[in-house]
C-alpha atoms as a PDB file:
ATOM      1  CA  UNK A   1      -4.393  23.873   1.490  1.00  0.00           C
ATOM      2  CA  UNK A   2      -3.810  26.744   4.299  1.00  0.00           C
ATOM      3  CA  UNK A   3      -6.458  28.364   6.464  1.00  0.00           C
ATOM      4  CA  UNK A   4      -6.747  31.576   7.978  1.00  0.00           C
ATOM      5  CA  UNK A   5      -9.369  31.812  10.706  1.00  0.00           C
ATOM      6  CA  UNK A   6     -11.142  33.672  13.582  1.00  0.00           C
ATOM      7  CA  UNK A   7     -11.972  31.906  16.989  1.00  0.00           C
ATOM      8  CA  UNK A   8     -13.910  33.288  20.082  1.00  0.00           C
ATOM      9  CA  UNK A   9     -13.394  32.704  23.571  1.00  0.00           C
ATOM     10  CA  UNK A  10     -16.541  31.875  25.022  1.00  0.00           C
ATOM     11  CA  UNK A  11     -16.114  32.749  27.750  1.00  0.00           C
ATOM     12  CA  UNK A  12     -14.592  36.484  27.954  1.00  0.00           C
ATOM     13  CA  UNK A  13     -15.870  36.492  23.891  1.00  0.00           C
ATOM     14  CA  UNK A  14     -11.876  37.690  22.894  1.00  0.00           C
ATOM     15  CA  UNK A  15     -11.510  36.917  19.020  1.00  0.00           C
ATOM     16  CA  UNK A  16      -7.931  35.606  17.737  1.00  0.00           C
ATOM     17  CA  UNK A  17      -6.795  35.506  14.092  1.00  0.00           C
ATOM     18  CA  UNK A  18      -4.244  32.877  12.954  1.00  0.00           C
ATOM     19  CA  UNK A  19      -3.306  30.233  10.123  1.00  0.00           C
ATOM     20  CA  UNK A  20      -2.727  27.149   9.663  1.00  0.00           C
ATOM     21  CA  UNK A  21      -2.129  24.821   7.404  1.00  0.00           C
ATOM     22  CA  UNK A  22      -4.021  21.899   9.255  1.00  0.00           C
ATOM     23  CA  UNK A  23      -6.877  23.385  10.994  1.00  0.00           C
ATOM     24  CA  UNK A  24      -8.526  20.872  12.840  1.00  0.00           C
ATOM     25  CA  UNK A  25      -5.900  20.413  14.672  1.00  0.00           C
ATOM     26  CA  UNK A  26      -4.658  23.976  15.095  1.00  0.00           C
ATOM     27  CA  UNK A  27      -8.276  24.112  16.642  1.00  0.00           C
ATOM     28  CA  UNK A  28      -7.731  21.500  19.313  1.00  0.00           C
ATOM     29  CA  UNK A  29      -4.768  23.192  20.557  1.00  0.00           C
ATOM     30  CA  UNK A  30      -6.548  26.091  20.955  1.00  0.00           C
ATOM     31  CA  UNK A  31      -9.016  24.554  23.327  1.00  0.00           C
ATOM     32  CA  UNK A  32      -6.814  22.974  25.454  1.00  0.00           C
ATOM     33  CA  UNK A  33      -6.014  26.748  26.616  1.00  0.00           C
ATOM     34  CA  UNK A  34      -9.867  27.690  27.125  1.00  0.00           C
ATOM     35  CA  UNK A  35     -13.071  27.382  25.232  1.00  0.00           C
ATOM     36  CA  UNK A  36     -13.458  28.672  21.677  1.00  0.00           C
ATOM     37  CA  UNK A  37     -16.111  28.473  18.784  1.00  0.00           C
ATOM     38  CA  UNK A  38     -14.759  28.769  15.390  1.00  0.00           C
ATOM     39  CA  UNK A  39     -16.434  31.665  14.121  1.00  0.00           C
ATOM     40  CA  UNK A  40     -15.031  31.745  10.302  1.00  0.00           C
ATOM     41  CA  UNK A  41     -11.973  30.944   8.047  1.00  0.00           C
ATOM     42  CA  UNK A  42     -10.653  31.047   4.303  1.00  0.00           C
ATOM     43  CA  UNK A  43      -8.458  28.704   2.513  1.00  0.00           C
ATOM     44  CA  UNK A  44      -5.796  29.239   0.815  1.00  0.00           C
ATOM     45  CA  UNK A  45      -3.311  27.451  -1.750  1.00  0.00           C
ATOM     46  CA  UNK A  46      -0.599  29.331  -1.056  1.00  0.00           C
ATOM     47  CA  UNK A  47       1.171  29.728   2.683  1.00  0.00           C
ATOM     48  CA  UNK A  48       2.082  33.339   2.007  1.00  0.00           C
ATOM     49  CA  UNK A  49      -1.586  34.433   0.508  1.00  0.00           C
ATOM     50  CA  UNK A  50      -2.545  32.905   4.389  1.00  0.00           C
ATOM     51  CA  UNK A  51       0.073  34.758   5.763  1.00  0.00           C
ATOM     52  CA  UNK A  52      -0.566  37.721   3.905  1.00  0.00           C
ATOM     53  CA  UNK A  53      -3.988  37.877   4.884  1.00  0.00           C
ATOM     54  CA  UNK A  54      -3.406  37.286   8.366  1.00  0.00           C
ATOM     55  CA  UNK A  55      -1.674  40.351   8.890  1.00  0.00           C
ATOM     56  CA  UNK A  56      -4.315  42.484   6.828  1.00  0.00           C
ATOM     57  CA  UNK A  57      -6.410  41.241   9.923  1.00  0.00           C
ATOM     58  CA  UNK A  58      -4.216  41.583  12.540  1.00  0.00           C
ATOM     59  CA  UNK A  59      -2.426  44.905  11.521  1.00  0.00           C
ATOM     60  CA  UNK A  60      -4.997  46.758   9.724  1.00  0.00           C
ATOM     61  CA  UNK A  61      -8.450  47.914  11.444  1.00  0.00           C
ATOM     62  CA  UNK A  62     -10.019  48.391   7.821  1.00  0.00           C
ATOM     63  CA  UNK A  63      -9.610  44.852   6.844  1.00  0.00           C
ATOM     64  CA  UNK A  64     -10.739  43.363  10.198  1.00  0.00           C
ATOM     65  CA  UNK A  65     -13.881  45.970  10.474  1.00  0.00           C
ATOM     66  CA  UNK A  66     -14.843  44.757   6.784  1.00  0.00           C
ATOM     67  CA  UNK A  67     -14.533  41.046   8.153  1.00  0.00           C
ATOM     68  CA  UNK A  68     -16.693  41.874  11.053  1.00  0.00           C
ATOM     69  CA  UNK A  69     -19.671  43.620   9.074  1.00  0.00           C
ATOM     70  CA  UNK A  70     -19.629  40.832   6.633  1.00  0.00           C
ATOM     71  CA  UNK A  71     -20.346  38.179   9.456  1.00  0.00           C
ATOM     72  CA  UNK A  72     -23.604  37.685  11.074  1.00  0.00           C
ATOM     73  CA  UNK A  73     -23.875  39.866  14.626  1.00  0.00           C
ATOM     74  CA  UNK A  74     -25.588  36.876  15.590  1.00  0.00           C
ATOM     75  CA  UNK A  75     -21.500  34.853  15.148  1.00  0.00           C
ATOM     76  CA  UNK A  76     -19.943  37.722  17.243  1.00  0.00           C
ATOM     77  CA  UNK A  77     -21.902  38.354  20.260  1.00  0.00           C
END
């Protein structure tokens, strides 16, 4: 499985979108450089689909805006 994920820095509230084949390992790597909280993730069977979705979230404001609307405002403080 491949995952796209959204994490938020607990200190400065910055958001980060990424993809990985090992979500737990990647989350631990992020937390070596700060305090991050996993906000959201999606699972995909193919790496191509995960990369395509990550690109949409990073490159297209409309996809990012739609995802933020879907998430509860309490998650994205």
